[in-house]
Amino acid sequence: MEYLSFLLIYGGPFVLAGLLILLFAYVTHRVRLKNPSFDASMGKAVRIVSAKRFKETAAVVIVVAVVIVLWWNGYGGDIDNP
């Protein structure tokens, strides 16, 4: 239970960032399915950064957050006194 609270406190911002990236990717993907001219209206950036890349980025952010938290807990300090 201590690991979970530590993960939520120190890894929360990274996990939240990953979830926001996933949400943005989902919304962008849904809009692109319903409106084919969305790419033209949003410009080149939407075509370059696809939903798949957003999902990969979110996964990397979450994994890095977990690794940092576990490393900090195991090697960098104590939960009560980091």
Protein backbone atom coordinates (compact mmCIF):
# COMPACT_ATOMS: atom_id res chain seq x y z
CA MET A 1 0.00 0.00 0.00
CA GLU A 2 2.92 2.32 0.67
CA TYR A 3 4.14 1.78 -2.89
CA LEU A 4 0.75 2.74 -4.28
CA SER A 5 0.56 5.98 -2.32
CA PHE A 6 4.15 6.82 -3.24
CA LEU A 7 3.41 6.09 -6.90
CA LEU A 8 0.31 8.28 -6.85
CA ILE A 9 2.10 11.18 -5.14
CA TYR A 10 5.30 11.24 -7.18
CA GLY A 11 4.19 9.53 -10.39
CA GLY A 12 0.74 11.09 -10.58
CA PRO A 13 1.68 14.02 -12.83
CA PHE A 14 3.36 11.69 -15.33
CA VAL A 15 0.40 9.31 -15.37
CA LEU A 16 -2.00 12.24 -15.71
CA ALA A 17 0.03 13.60 -18.63
CA GLY A 18 -0.10 10.19 -20.31
CA LEU A 19 -3.87 9.96 -19.83
CA LEU A 20 -4.36 13.45 -21.25
CA ILE A 21 -2.29 12.50 -24.30
CA LEU A 22 -4.44 9.39 -24.77
CA LEU A 23 -7.62 11.45 -24.45
CA PHE A 24 -6.38 13.96 -27.02
CA ALA A 25 -5.41 11.13 -29.37
CA TYR A 26 -8.85 9.52 -29.01
CA VAL A 27 -10.73 12.76 -29.64
CA THR A 28 -8.52 13.59 -32.63
CA HIS A 29 -9.02 10.12 -34.05
CA ARG A 30 -12.83 10.29 -33.68
CA VAL A 31 -12.99 13.71 -35.32
CA ARG A 32 -10.81 12.51 -38.19
CA LEU A 33 -13.12 9.53 -38.76
CA LYS A 34 -16.23 11.71 -38.89
CA ASN A 35 -14.72 14.58 -40.88
CA PRO A 36 -12.17 13.67 -43.57
CA SER A 37 -11.38 17.35 -44.21
CA PHE A 38 -10.18 17.70 -40.60
CA ASP A 39 -6.60 17.03 -41.69
CA ALA A 40 -6.69 19.89 -44.17
CA SER A 41 -8.21 22.29 -41.66
CA MET A 42 -5.74 21.46 -38.88
CA GLY A 43 -2.68 21.55 -41.10
CA LYS A 44 0.33 19.31 -41.48
CA ALA A 45 0.92 18.64 -37.76
CA VAL A 46 -2.14 16.41 -37.37
CA ARG A 47 -1.07 14.23 -40.28
CA ILE A 48 2.48 13.86 -38.94
CA VAL A 49 1.53 13.08 -35.34
CA SER A 50 -0.96 10.27 -35.63
CA ALA A 51 -3.06 8.74 -32.87
CA LYS A 52 -0.67 5.79 -32.76
CA ARG A 53 2.25 8.04 -31.89
CA PHE A 54 0.23 9.71 -29.15
CA LYS A 55 -0.52 6.31 -27.64
CA GLU A 56 3.14 5.29 -27.84
CA THR A 57 4.18 8.56 -26.20
CA ALA A 58 1.64 8.09 -23.42
CA ALA A 59 2.88 4.55 -22.79
CA VAL A 60 6.48 5.75 -22.60
CA VAL A 61 5.55 8.56 -20.19
CA ILE A 62 3.73 6.13 -17.88
CA VAL A 63 6.55 3.55 -17.96
CA VAL A 64 9.19 6.21 -17.26
CA ALA A 65 7.11 7.51 -14.33
CA VAL A 66 6.83 4.03 -12.82
CA VAL A 67 10.57 3.37 -13.28
CA ILE A 68 11.49 6.71 -11.68
CA VAL A 69 9.20 6.10 -8.71
CA LEU A 70 10.45 2.55 -8.16
CA TRP A 71 14.08 3.66 -8.49
CA TRP A 72 13.55 6.55 -6.07
CA ASN A 73 11.88 4.25 -3.58
CA GLY A 74 14.54 1.56 -3.86
CA TYR A 75 17.71 3.61 -4.19
CA GLY A 76 17.02 7.30 -3.80
CA GLY A 77 15.38 7.49 -0.43
CA ASP A 78 12.73 6.32 1.96
CA ILE A 79 9.01 6.89 1.51
CA ASP A 80 8.71 8.76 4.79
CA ASN A 81 11.94 10.70 4.30
CA PRO A 82 12.86 10.96 0.61
